[in-house]
């Protein structure tokens, strides 16, 4: 749907929060810190298997514990992000987004946000989610429905954020 200001809007359906959380999780797991963490876990699990095969009785538990902890962290991240998304985009609400000459204007159940283009550090898309890294390199990531912006608008934000 289009808004009177020339942006887009959508009515939030029952699956939006899960789709956006899945997109965020897919994006998060491809970040260098998570790749390093998963690689180290794989090495430790492999080492625990080798040690178990050579007769060390307690080594298997180390690998199992690490896999459980890493899985728990991924699940906890998904639950937290999905919960945040549900607060911002409750079922049946209307979300909008519009690009102006110098900012992104977005509305959700939490209110209206104006994010100046100078604040963007990175813009990524994963599935139905648009991930907007703002502030510093370690700053927050805003998650919004990708459908709220056209592909040319997303390309424009990416170009602005790469400067």
Protein backbone atom coordinates (compact mmCIF):
# COMPACT_ATOMS: atom_id res chain seq x y z
CA UNK A 1 0.00 0.00 0.00
CA UNK A 2 1.11 3.58 -0.60
CA UNK A 3 0.84 6.44 1.87
CA UNK A 4 -0.33 9.96 0.95
CA UNK A 5 3.28 11.20 1.40
CA UNK A 6 4.53 8.79 -1.26
CA UNK A 7 5.83 6.08 1.08
CA UNK A 8 4.56 2.61 1.70
CA UNK A 9 2.43 1.07 4.41
CA UNK A 10 1.35 -2.39 5.44
CA UNK A 11 -1.12 -3.96 7.82
CA UNK A 12 0.75 -6.30 10.17
CA UNK A 13 -0.27 -9.95 9.83
CA UNK A 14 0.15 -12.81 12.31
CA UNK A 15 3.41 -14.08 10.80
CA UNK A 16 5.28 -10.78 10.44
CA UNK A 17 7.09 -10.96 13.80
CA UNK A 18 8.32 -14.49 13.14
CA UNK A 19 9.43 -13.64 9.60
CA UNK A 20 11.33 -10.54 10.74
CA UNK A 21 12.92 -12.40 13.68
CA UNK A 22 14.00 -15.18 11.29
CA UNK A 23 15.51 -12.61 8.94
CA UNK A 24 17.34 -10.94 11.83
CA UNK A 25 18.65 -14.29 13.07
CA UNK A 26 19.83 -15.23 9.57
CA UNK A 27 21.65 -11.87 9.37
CA UNK A 28 23.07 -12.16 12.89
CA UNK A 29 24.48 -15.64 12.31
CA UNK A 30 26.41 -14.38 9.27
CA UNK A 31 28.17 -11.65 11.24
CA UNK A 32 31.92 -12.20 11.82
CA UNK A 33 31.58 -12.50 15.61
CA UNK A 34 29.02 -15.29 15.31
CA UNK A 35 31.00 -17.07 12.61
CA UNK A 36 34.08 -17.03 14.87
CA UNK A 37 32.01 -18.27 17.82
CA UNK A 38 30.48 -21.10 15.79
CA UNK A 39 33.89 -22.04 14.36
CA UNK A 40 35.47 -22.18 17.82
CA UNK A 41 32.56 -24.28 19.07
CA UNK A 42 33.01 -26.69 16.15
CA UNK A 43 36.73 -27.01 16.89
CA UNK A 44 36.08 -27.67 20.58
CA UNK A 45 33.34 -30.20 19.78
CA UNK A 46 35.68 -31.99 17.35
CA UNK A 47 38.43 -31.98 19.97
CA UNK A 48 36.05 -33.37 22.60
CA UNK A 49 35.05 -36.18 20.21
CA UNK A 50 38.71 -37.04 19.56
CA UNK A 51 39.49 -36.98 23.29
CA UNK A 52 36.45 -39.15 24.03
CA UNK A 53 37.56 -41.68 21.42
CA UNK A 54 41.02 -41.81 22.98
CA UNK A 55 39.59 -42.62 26.40
CA UNK A 56 39.01 -39.29 28.15
CA UNK A 57 35.65 -39.74 29.87
CA UNK A 58 34.69 -36.12 30.62
CA UNK A 59 35.60 -34.62 27.24
CA UNK A 60 32.27 -35.41 25.56
CA UNK A 61 30.39 -33.29 28.08
CA UNK A 62 32.40 -30.20 27.19
CA UNK A 63 31.32 -30.43 23.54
CA UNK A 64 27.70 -31.15 24.45
CA UNK A 65 27.64 -28.24 26.93
CA UNK A 66 29.02 -25.81 24.34
CA UNK A 67 26.48 -26.87 21.73
CA UNK A 68 23.65 -26.48 24.27
CA UNK A 69 24.92 -23.04 25.36
CA UNK A 70 25.32 -21.81 21.77
CA UNK A 71 21.88 -23.15 20.82
CA UNK A 72 20.38 -21.49 23.88
CA UNK A 73 21.96 -18.17 22.92
CA UNK A 74 20.53 -18.39 19.41
CA UNK A 75 17.05 -19.28 20.71
CA UNK A 76 17.17 -16.53 23.34
CA UNK A 77 18.18 -14.01 20.67
CA UNK A 78 15.29 -15.06 18.42
CA UNK A 79 12.78 -14.84 21.30
CA UNK A 80 14.03 -11.39 22.38
CA UNK A 81 13.96 -9.99 18.85
CA UNK A 82 10.53 -11.48 18.12
CA UNK A 83 9.18 -9.98 21.34
CA UNK A 84 10.56 -6.54 20.44
CA UNK A 85 9.11 -6.79 16.95
CA UNK A 86 5.69 -7.73 18.35
CA UNK A 87 5.74 -4.59 20.52
CA UNK A 88 6.60 -2.40 17.53
CA UNK A 89 4.34 -4.19 15.07
CA UNK A 90 1.32 -5.71 16.86
CA UNK A 91 -1.02 -7.78 14.72
CA UNK A 92 -3.52 -5.57 12.86
CA UNK A 93 -1.54 -2.35 13.26
CA UNK A 94 -0.39 -0.26 10.31
CA UNK A 95 3.29 0.45 9.73
CA UNK A 96 4.57 3.05 7.27
CA UNK A 97 7.89 4.26 5.89
CA UNK A 98 8.82 7.18 3.68
CA UNK A 99 12.16 8.44 2.43
CA UNK A 100 12.65 12.19 2.18
CA UNK A 101 15.67 14.05 0.86
CA UNK A 102 17.66 13.50 4.06
CA UNK A 103 15.85 11.03 6.34
CA UNK A 104 13.80 7.87 6.73
CA UNK A 105 10.45 8.44 8.42
CA UNK A 106 8.86 5.31 9.86
CA UNK A 107 5.79 4.73 11.99
CA UNK A 108 4.89 1.74 14.10
CA UNK A 109 2.87 1.10 17.24
CA UNK A 110 5.77 2.64 19.19
CA UNK A 111 5.41 5.98 17.41
CA UNK A 112 7.14 7.86 14.62
CA UNK A 113 10.88 7.79 14.01
CA UNK A 114 12.97 10.08 11.88
CA UNK A 115 16.40 8.68 11.16
CA UNK A 116 18.72 11.06 9.34
CA UNK A 117 20.74 9.47 6.55
CA UNK A 118 23.94 10.51 8.32
CA UNK A 119 23.08 8.09 11.15
CA UNK A 120 23.11 4.99 8.93
CA UNK A 121 26.22 2.82 9.10
CA UNK A 122 24.94 -0.21 7.21
CA UNK A 123 21.77 -1.41 5.52
CA UNK A 124 21.15 -5.13 4.99
CA UNK A 125 18.18 -7.22 3.95
CA UNK A 126 17.54 -10.79 5.04
CA UNK A 127 14.30 -12.41 3.97
CA UNK A 128 11.42 -10.09 4.87
CA UNK A 129 13.57 -8.05 7.27
CA UNK A 130 15.38 -4.83 6.56
CA UNK A 131 18.22 -4.31 9.05
CA UNK A 132 19.35 -0.75 9.61
CA UNK A 133 22.60 -0.34 11.55
CA UNK A 134 22.64 3.14 13.06
CA UNK A 135 25.06 5.12 15.17
CA UNK A 136 28.49 3.66 15.83
CA UNK A 137 29.88 0.40 14.49
CA UNK A 138 28.65 -1.29 17.65
CA UNK A 139 25.39 0.66 17.66
CA UNK A 140 21.88 -0.76 17.54
CA UNK A 141 20.21 -2.48 14.62
CA UNK A 142 16.68 -1.43 13.72
CA UNK A 143 14.54 -4.17 12.18
CA UNK A 144 11.67 -3.19 9.94
CA UNK A 145 9.58 -4.94 7.29
CA UNK A 146 11.39 -4.92 3.96
CA UNK A 147 8.06 -4.40 2.20
CA UNK A 148 7.91 -0.84 3.58
CA UNK A 149 10.61 0.30 1.15
CA UNK A 150 10.98 -0.30 -2.57
CA UNK A 151 14.14 -1.91 -3.93
CA UNK A 152 15.33 1.47 -5.32
CA UNK A 153 14.81 3.00 -1.84
CA UNK A 154 16.80 0.18 -0.23
CA UNK A 155 19.56 0.66 -2.81
CA UNK A 156 19.56 4.39 -2.03
CA UNK A 157 19.95 3.72 1.70
CA UNK A 158 22.76 1.24 1.03
CA UNK A 159 24.57 3.77 -1.12
CA UNK A 160 24.21 6.46 1.54
CA UNK A 161 25.40 4.15 4.32
CA UNK A 162 28.50 3.05 2.40
CA UNK A 163 29.92 6.58 2.18
